[in-house]
Amino acid sequence: MNAAPDAKAGTPPGLAAEEDRELTDYLNRQIAVVLSPDHDPRPSCPRCGDTRIHSGGFTFKRTVGRLPLFECQSCGRHFSRAWGTPLGEKHLKKLDLFVSLLSQPLSCEEAARLMGSLGSDLSLRVKAFRAWLLKLDPSGTWERRIRLGGRPTEIRPAPLAFAESGAREDVVLTTRLAWEFDELYSASPVPPACPDCGSRETRLKERPKQGQQGVPRFTCRGCRATFTRRRGTPFAYIGLDSTDRLRRLIRYLSLPLSFQQVAELCGTDSMTLKRWRDCFVQWADQLEPDGRLSARFRLGVEPDEATPCLFCGRTGVATLPPEATRDRHRHWSCAGCGRLFSMRRSIVEVAGVLQLVDDVSDALAAAPVAAIAPATGTMQSSTG
């Protein structure tokens, strides 16, 4: 190729170690054939396939120099070897650098910064080279070795398998906790036993005024304590403005989802949601001290060795930065492609039961994954 000597200038240190030299050399050989300045050997006509080809002069490309043109004696078409390849004028900029990046686990945005291009333009360029490699080698052996851009640039991506797919809402857990929760926040004036002394000598002291948020307050004639039904539970000091969100959370406690994803579904942040989950765990152990209820909780799943990266598809590549010592900093990243590692999964509701499904295309596009029951809102696919 007649590329400029400094075509790879600006490549970050360490990238060369990630380059697949065999793929780079293979592509360079194919490119050298297409961009050859010689008329021989003469290609067949790309329109009719005839081999009666005459020389048609030359054209000049600023980035590569002189290129031969051909004329088909059968259909009269004029063409160059670049016809039907991604080696058009707009794809010749920094060609050597681009080819060296194709086998490296970078996002199109990262590569675009090196190329002085736009991420969207580079994505189209990668797809064009993938299509060309499939034309050169229909088996896909070479095309599968391209890693630039990850799965969004793949022409025929293989489906990913998630261990969480198929997981269903634990209806037993949801039903029990929802019933107990409604009892806890009930507006009924019937007094419960005193949570401090256990006495049944209790009476209604105050109930919320009509139109006001609140729960009934009771008093104990034995120990004179004033209390609500939440007294002695982990929810005693959680504001009543969180009641609806807490109840919404119940349906997700048995699903292997990330805190970040469910936090957005419940209208809060991941740190708050984790505290709420812990409150439900403590409360479940109060309801069933043998741990039978809390053992059904699966919320807060983290990636393992079998979890694939949504972006590049590799497994066992999730890492935490060294400074991730607190939950608020637990942003997983992929050791392969460097992208943030997502544990978000698509949810559907079938016959009133939530279920996780594979929906890779939606997840990759960072679009709404699923709109489930109206009470739970719409999930947005992003990192978490």
Protein backbone atom coordinates (compact mmCIF):
# COMPACT_ATOMS: atom_id res chain seq x y z
CA MET A 1 0.00 0.00 0.00
CA ASN A 2 1.04 3.59 -0.56
CA ALA A 3 -0.04 4.78 2.88
CA ALA A 4 1.81 7.55 4.65
CA PRO A 5 4.75 6.40 6.81
CA ASP A 6 3.23 7.87 9.98
CA ALA A 7 -0.23 6.29 9.49
CA LYS A 8 -0.07 4.61 12.89
CA ALA A 9 0.99 7.74 14.76
CA GLY A 10 -1.04 8.31 17.91
CA THR A 11 -1.64 4.63 18.69
CA PRO A 12 -1.70 4.30 22.52
CA PRO A 13 1.08 2.26 24.15
CA GLY A 14 0.10 -1.38 24.64
CA LEU A 15 -2.33 -1.56 21.73
CA ALA A 16 0.21 -3.31 19.53
CA ALA A 17 0.17 -6.26 21.92
CA GLU A 18 -3.58 -6.68 21.26
CA GLU A 19 -3.22 -6.64 17.47
CA ASP A 20 -3.87 -9.84 15.53
CA ARG A 21 -0.94 -9.67 13.14
CA GLU A 22 -2.23 -12.54 11.02
CA LEU A 23 -5.49 -10.69 10.34
CA THR A 24 -3.61 -7.45 9.66
CA ASP A 25 -1.24 -9.18 7.21
CA TYR A 26 -4.11 -10.96 5.46
CA LEU A 27 -6.03 -7.72 4.97
CA ASN A 28 -2.93 -5.87 3.82
CA ARG A 29 -2.36 -8.50 1.13
CA GLN A 30 -5.95 -8.18 -0.10
CA ILE A 31 -5.73 -4.39 -0.06
CA ALA A 32 -2.44 -4.48 -1.98
CA VAL A 33 -4.17 -6.46 -4.74
CA VAL A 34 -7.07 -4.00 -4.98
CA LEU A 35 -4.82 -0.93 -4.91
CA SER A 36 -2.18 -2.31 -7.28
CA PRO A 37 -1.07 0.28 -9.88
CA ASP A 38 -0.75 -2.44 -12.57
CA HIS A 39 -3.40 -3.45 -15.09
CA ASP A 40 -2.40 -7.10 -14.86
CA PRO A 41 -3.85 -9.40 -13.77
CA ARG A 42 -7.16 -8.09 -15.09
CA PRO A 43 -10.29 -8.75 -13.01
CA SER A 44 -13.56 -10.05 -14.42
CA CYS A 45 -16.44 -7.61 -14.94
CA PRO A 46 -18.32 -6.98 -11.66
CA ARG A 47 -21.58 -6.51 -13.63
CA CYS A 48 -21.70 -9.44 -16.08
CA GLY A 49 -18.70 -11.57 -15.05
CA ASP A 50 -17.10 -11.48 -18.52
CA THR A 51 -13.31 -11.88 -18.67
CA ARG A 52 -12.84 -9.91 -21.90
CA ILE A 53 -11.46 -6.85 -20.17
CA HIS A 54 -9.49 -4.02 -21.80
CA SER A 55 -7.40 -1.36 -20.12
CA GLY A 56 -9.35 1.83 -19.51
CA GLY A 57 -6.60 4.18 -18.44
CA PHE A 58 -5.96 5.36 -14.90
CA THR A 59 -7.55 7.37 -12.12
CA PHE A 60 -5.66 9.19 -9.39
CA LYS A 61 -6.47 8.84 -5.69
CA ARG A 62 -4.82 11.41 -3.49
CA THR A 63 -4.25 8.94 -0.65
CA VAL A 64 -2.87 6.01 -2.68
CA GLY A 65 -1.82 7.43 -6.05
CA ARG A 66 -2.53 6.02 -9.51
CA LEU A 67 -5.12 3.23 -9.91
CA PRO A 68 -5.89 1.38 -13.15
CA LEU A 69 -9.32 1.45 -14.76
CA PHE A 70 -10.88 -1.30 -16.88
CA GLU A 71 -13.54 -1.62 -19.59
CA CYS A 72 -15.72 -4.68 -20.14
CA GLN A 73 -16.01 -5.62 -23.82
CA SER A 74 -19.33 -7.39 -23.19
CA CYS A 75 -21.44 -4.84 -21.30
CA GLY A 76 -19.27 -1.75 -21.67
CA ARG A 77 -18.94 -1.12 -17.95
CA HIS A 78 -15.96 0.93 -16.74
CA PHE A 79 -14.66 0.00 -13.29
CA SER A 80 -11.65 -0.31 -10.99
CA ARG A 81 -10.61 -3.16 -8.69
CA ALA A 82 -12.03 -1.17 -5.77
CA TRP A 83 -15.58 -1.70 -7.06
CA GLY A 84 -17.49 -3.91 -4.59
CA THR A 85 -14.89 -3.40 -1.83
CA PRO A 86 -14.82 -0.94 1.09
CA LEU A 87 -11.80 0.78 -0.46
CA GLY A 88 -13.62 3.80 -1.80
CA GLU A 89 -12.14 7.26 -1.44
CA LYS A 90 -13.72 7.93 1.96
CA HIS A 91 -12.39 4.65 3.35
CA LEU A 92 -8.75 5.24 2.46
CA LYS A 93 -8.01 7.78 5.20
CA LYS A 94 -5.38 6.43 7.62
CA LEU A 95 -5.91 2.98 6.15
CA ASP A 96 -2.85 1.38 7.77
CA LEU A 97 -3.90 2.56 11.22
CA PHE A 98 -7.48 1.44 10.68
CA VAL A 99 -6.44 -2.07 9.58
CA SER A 100 -4.17 -2.43 12.62
CA LEU A 101 -7.08 -1.46 14.91
CA LEU A 102 -9.61 -3.90 13.44
CA SER A 103 -8.41 -6.82 15.57
CA GLN A 104 -8.21 -4.83 18.80
CA PRO A 105 -10.89 -4.73 21.54
CA LEU A 106 -11.77 -1.04 21.25
CA SER A 107 -15.08 0.75 20.98
CA CYS A 108 -15.74 2.72 17.82
CA GLU A 109 -15.65 5.92 19.87
CA GLU A 110 -12.16 5.13 21.20
CA ALA A 111 -10.87 4.19 17.75
CA ALA A 112 -12.50 7.25 16.21
CA ARG A 113 -10.49 9.50 18.50
CA LEU A 114 -7.30 7.87 17.20
CA MET A 115 -8.49 8.14 13.62
CA GLY A 116 -9.77 11.72 13.87
CA SER A 117 -13.20 10.50 12.80
CA LEU A 118 -16.72 10.08 14.15
CA GLY A 119 -17.72 6.93 16.02
CA SER A 120 -20.79 6.46 13.82
CA ASP A 121 -18.71 6.74 10.62
CA LEU A 122 -16.12 4.31 11.95
CA SER A 123 -18.84 1.82 12.87
CA LEU A 124 -20.07 1.82 9.26
CA ARG A 125 -16.50 1.39 8.07
CA VAL A 126 -15.97 -1.64 10.30
CA LYS A 127 -19.18 -3.22 9.03
CA ALA A 128 -18.07 -2.61 5.44
CA PHE A 129 -14.78 -4.41 6.10
CA ARG A 130 -16.61 -7.27 7.82
CA ALA A 131 -18.83 -7.66 4.75
CA TRP A 132 -15.80 -7.63 2.48
CA LEU A 133 -14.04 -10.30 4.56
CA LEU A 134 -17.15 -12.48 4.34
CA LYS A 135 -17.07 -12.04 0.57
CA LEU A 136 -13.39 -13.03 0.47
CA ASP A 137 -13.88 -15.89 2.95
CA PRO A 138 -17.53 -17.03 3.21
CA SER A 139 -16.61 -19.37 6.10
CA GLY A 140 -16.27 -16.27 8.31
CA THR A 141 -12.91 -17.37 9.75
CA TRP A 142 -11.28 -13.99 9.16
CA GLU A 143 -14.37 -11.89 9.85
CA ARG A 144 -14.76 -13.40 13.32
CA ARG A 145 -11.28 -12.14 14.23
CA ILE A 146 -12.38 -8.50 14.01
CA ARG A 147 -12.92 -7.10 17.50
CA LEU A 148 -13.09 -3.36 16.84
CA GLY A 149 -16.54 -2.05 17.77
CA GLY A 150 -17.60 -5.26 19.49
CA ARG A 151 -20.96 -6.89 18.86
CA PRO A 152 -22.72 -3.73 17.57
CA THR A 153 -20.53 -3.86 14.44
CA GLU A 154 -21.10 -7.58 13.82
CA ILE A 155 -23.09 -8.48 10.72
CA ARG A 156 -24.37 -11.79 12.05
CA PRO A 157 -23.78 -11.83 15.83
CA ALA A 158 -24.16 -15.16 17.57
CA PRO A 159 -26.75 -15.13 20.38
CA LEU A 160 -25.39 -14.72 23.88
CA ALA A 161 -26.40 -17.07 26.66
CA PHE A 162 -27.04 -15.58 30.10
CA ALA A 163 -27.24 -17.75 33.19
CA GLU A 164 -30.00 -15.46 34.46
CA SER A 165 -32.25 -16.01 31.43
CA GLY A 166 -35.36 -17.95 32.24
CA ALA A 167 -35.32 -16.96 35.91
CA ARG A 168 -38.85 -16.37 37.12
CA GLU A 169 -40.36 -14.33 39.91
CA ASP A 170 -40.75 -16.39 43.07
CA VAL A 171 -44.52 -16.12 43.47
CA VAL A 172 -44.44 -17.70 46.94
CA LEU A 173 -42.01 -15.06 48.19
CA THR A 174 -43.82 -12.21 46.46
CA THR A 175 -47.24 -13.26 47.76
CA ARG A 176 -46.07 -13.72 51.35
CA LEU A 177 -44.09 -10.48 51.56
CA ALA A 178 -46.77 -8.44 49.76
CA TRP A 179 -49.44 -9.67 52.20
CA GLU A 180 -47.26 -9.01 55.26
CA PHE A 181 -46.23 -5.60 53.88
CA ASP A 182 -49.85 -4.56 53.33
CA GLU A 183 -50.61 -5.60 56.91
CA LEU A 184 -47.64 -3.57 58.16
CA TYR A 185 -48.84 -0.41 56.41
CA SER A 186 -52.56 -1.09 56.91
CA ALA A 187 -54.88 1.80 57.76
CA SER A 188 -57.05 -0.48 59.89
CA PRO A 189 -57.88 0.98 63.35
CA VAL A 190 -57.90 -2.47 64.95
CA PRO A 191 -54.98 -2.36 67.42
CA PRO A 192 -52.26 -5.03 67.24
CA ALA A 193 -50.35 -6.42 70.23
CA CYS A 194 -47.73 -4.14 71.77
CA PRO A 195 -44.35 -4.75 70.05
CA ASP A 196 -42.52 -3.88 73.31
CA CYS A 197 -44.27 -5.94 75.99
CA GLY A 198 -46.58 -8.15 73.93
CA SER A 199 -49.70 -6.97 75.74
CA ARG A 200 -53.03 -7.10 73.97
CA GLU A 201 -54.26 -4.19 76.12
CA THR A 202 -53.76 -1.72 73.29
CA ARG A 203 -55.99 0.91 71.73
CA LEU A 204 -56.06 3.30 68.81
CA LYS A 205 -54.48 6.64 69.68
CA GLU A 206 -54.43 8.49 66.39
CA ARG A 207 -55.23 7.85 62.76
CA PRO A 208 -54.19 9.99 59.81
CA LYS A 209 -56.63 12.68 58.80
CA GLN A 210 -58.54 12.19 55.59
CA GLY A 211 -56.39 13.07 52.60
CA GLN A 212 -53.16 12.95 54.60
CA GLN A 213 -50.41 10.35 54.28
CA GLY A 214 -49.75 8.30 57.37
CA VAL A 215 -50.50 5.16 59.35
CA PRO A 216 -52.50 4.65 62.57
CA ARG A 217 -50.73 5.11 65.91
CA PHE A 218 -51.57 2.99 68.95
CA THR A 219 -50.84 3.05 72.65
CA CYS A 220 -50.29 0.25 75.17
CA ARG A 221 -52.08 0.41 78.53
CA GLY A 222 -49.51 -1.89 80.08
CA CYS A 223 -46.16 -0.25 79.25
CA ARG A 224 -47.68 3.04 78.00
CA ALA A 225 -45.66 2.80 74.75
CA THR A 226 -46.91 4.60 71.65
CA PHE A 227 -46.25 2.76 68.41
CA THR A 228 -47.26 1.97 64.82
CA ARG A 229 -47.39 -1.44 63.20
CA ARG A 230 -43.90 -0.75 61.81
CA ARG A 231 -42.41 -0.59 65.30
CA GLY A 232 -39.68 -3.20 65.75
CA THR A 233 -39.28 -3.79 62.01
CA PRO A 234 -36.46 -2.54 59.71
CA PHE A 235 -38.99 -0.17 58.09
CA ALA A 236 -39.66 1.85 61.26
CA TYR A 237 -37.41 4.73 60.21
CA ILE A 238 -38.05 4.73 56.46
CA GLY A 239 -40.21 7.66 55.36
CA LEU A 240 -43.80 6.97 54.36
CA ASP A 241 -43.15 8.64 51.01
CA SER A 242 -41.20 5.48 50.07
CA THR A 243 -44.09 3.09 50.73
CA ASP A 244 -45.14 2.59 47.10
CA ARG A 245 -41.55 2.08 45.95
CA LEU A 246 -40.88 -0.43 48.72
CA ARG A 247 -43.91 -2.45 47.72
CA ARG A 248 -42.87 -2.30 44.07
CA LEU A 249 -39.47 -3.69 45.05
CA ILE A 250 -41.04 -6.88 46.45
CA ARG A 251 -41.59 -8.34 42.97
CA TYR A 252 -37.89 -8.04 42.09
CA LEU A 253 -36.39 -9.49 45.27
CA SER A 254 -36.35 -13.03 43.85
CA LEU A 255 -34.89 -12.09 40.45
CA PRO A 256 -31.12 -12.12 39.68
CA LEU A 257 -30.91 -8.46 38.66
CA SER A 258 -28.45 -5.69 39.44
CA PHE A 259 -29.19 -3.08 42.09
CA GLN A 260 -28.80 -0.31 39.49
CA GLN A 261 -31.41 -1.73 37.13
CA VAL A 262 -34.02 -2.31 39.84
CA ALA A 263 -33.23 1.05 41.44
CA GLU A 264 -34.32 2.78 38.25
CA LEU A 265 -37.45 0.64 38.10
CA CYS A 266 -38.31 1.65 41.65
CA GLY A 267 -37.42 5.32 41.23
CA THR A 268 -34.42 5.54 43.56
CA ASP A 269 -30.63 5.13 43.55
CA SER A 270 -28.65 1.91 43.86
CA MET A 271 -27.31 2.64 47.37
CA THR A 272 -30.81 3.28 48.71
CA LEU A 273 -32.14 0.20 46.97
CA LYS A 274 -29.43 -1.97 48.53
CA ARG A 275 -30.40 -0.68 51.99
CA TRP A 276 -34.04 -1.45 51.23
CA ARG A 277 -33.11 -4.96 50.09
CA ASP A 278 -31.22 -5.46 53.36
CA CYS A 279 -34.29 -4.27 55.26
CA PHE A 280 -36.41 -6.87 53.50
CA VAL A 281 -33.83 -9.57 54.30
CA GLN A 282 -33.91 -8.65 58.02
CA TRP A 283 -37.68 -8.51 58.00
CA ALA A 284 -37.95 -11.87 56.23
CA ASP A 285 -35.78 -13.37 58.98
CA GLN A 286 -38.10 -11.86 61.56
CA LEU A 287 -41.07 -13.50 59.83
CA GLU A 288 -39.24 -16.82 59.35
CA PRO A 289 -36.25 -17.04 61.75
CA ASP A 290 -35.03 -20.25 60.08
CA GLY A 291 -34.09 -18.22 56.98
CA ARG A 292 -36.51 -19.93 54.59
CA LEU A 293 -37.79 -16.63 53.21
CA SER A 294 -34.51 -14.73 52.96
CA ALA A 295 -32.91 -17.70 51.18
CA ARG A 296 -35.21 -16.99 48.22
CA PHE A 297 -33.71 -13.52 47.60
CA ARG A 298 -31.56 -13.19 44.44
CA LEU A 299 -31.47 -9.44 43.87
CA GLY A 300 -27.96 -7.97 43.63
CA VAL A 301 -26.39 -10.49 41.25
CA GLU A 302 -22.79 -9.89 40.14
CA PRO A 303 -20.94 -11.25 37.08
CA ASP A 304 -19.18 -14.61 37.30
CA GLU A 305 -16.85 -16.58 35.04
CA ALA A 306 -19.71 -17.58 32.73
CA THR A 307 -21.21 -14.09 32.28
CA PRO A 308 -20.63 -12.70 28.76
CA CYS A 309 -19.87 -9.07 28.08
CA LEU A 310 -22.79 -7.55 26.17
CA PHE A 311 -20.38 -5.57 24.05
CA CYS A 312 -17.67 -8.02 22.98
CA GLY A 313 -19.28 -11.32 24.01
CA ARG A 314 -16.30 -12.69 25.98
CA THR A 315 -16.82 -14.44 29.30
CA GLY A 316 -14.92 -14.17 32.58
CA VAL A 317 -13.75 -10.63 31.81
CA ALA A 318 -15.63 -8.56 34.40
CA THR A 319 -13.31 -6.61 36.70
CA LEU A 320 -13.63 -4.00 39.44
CA PRO A 321 -11.29 -1.01 39.60
CA PRO A 322 -8.84 -1.11 42.57
CA GLU A 323 -10.56 1.86 44.19
CA ALA A 324 -13.97 0.11 44.26
CA THR A 325 -14.02 -0.25 48.03
CA ARG A 326 -17.56 0.99 48.53
CA ASP A 327 -20.81 -0.06 46.88
CA ARG A 328 -21.26 3.31 45.21
CA HIS A 329 -18.03 2.67 43.26
CA ARG A 330 -18.82 -0.87 42.14
CA HIS A 331 -18.79 -0.14 38.42
CA TRP A 332 -17.72 -3.32 36.66
CA SER A 333 -15.74 -3.09 33.45
CA CYS A 334 -14.76 -5.62 30.78
CA ALA A 335 -11.08 -6.55 30.83
CA GLY A 336 -11.38 -7.46 27.16
CA CYS A 337 -12.94 -4.40 25.53
CA GLY A 338 -12.83 -1.93 28.42
CA ARG A 339 -16.55 -1.17 28.30
CA LEU A 340 -18.66 -0.92 31.44
CA PHE A 341 -19.94 -4.39 32.25
CA SER A 342 -23.71 -4.62 32.28
CA MET A 343 -25.72 -7.12 34.31
CA ARG A 344 -28.99 -5.70 33.02
CA ARG A 345 -31.44 -8.22 31.69
CA SER A 346 -34.70 -7.94 29.78
CA ILE A 347 -37.90 -8.63 31.71
CA VAL A 348 -41.29 -9.69 30.45
CA GLU A 349 -44.47 -10.47 32.34
CA VAL A 350 -46.13 -13.75 31.40
CA ALA A 351 -49.44 -14.69 33.08
CA GLY A 352 -48.73 -12.21 35.86
CA VAL A 353 -45.21 -13.54 36.59
CA LEU A 354 -42.02 -11.63 35.82
CA GLN A 355 -39.42 -13.54 33.83
CA LEU A 356 -35.91 -12.74 32.51
CA VAL A 357 -35.32 -13.31 28.82
CA ASP A 358 -32.52 -12.94 26.29
CA ASP A 359 -32.96 -9.72 24.34
CA VAL A 360 -29.48 -8.87 23.16
CA SER A 361 -30.43 -6.47 20.36
CA ASP A 362 -32.38 -4.19 22.71
CA ALA A 363 -29.68 -4.31 25.35
CA LEU A 364 -26.95 -3.38 22.87
CA ALA A 365 -28.98 -0.53 21.44
CA ALA A 366 -29.41 0.98 24.94
CA ALA A 367 -33.13 1.32 24.28
CA PRO A 368 -36.11 0.46 26.50
CA VAL A 369 -35.83 -3.27 27.15
CA ALA A 370 -39.35 -4.12 28.23
CA ALA A 371 -42.49 -2.43 29.41
CA ILE A 372 -43.97 -4.70 32.06
CA ALA A 373 -46.81 -4.21 34.49
CA PRO A 374 -47.90 -0.55 34.71
CA ALA A 375 -47.00 -0.45 38.39
CA THR A 376 -43.37 -1.25 37.64
CA GLY A 377 -42.71 1.24 34.86
CA THR A 378 -40.40 0.84 31.89
CA MET A 379 -36.88 -0.49 32.17
CA GLN A 380 -34.06 1.41 30.49
CA SER A 381 -31.02 -0.56 29.33
CA SER A 382 -27.73 0.93 30.42
CA THR A 383 -24.84 -0.02 32.65
CA GLY A 384 -25.39 -1.65 36.01
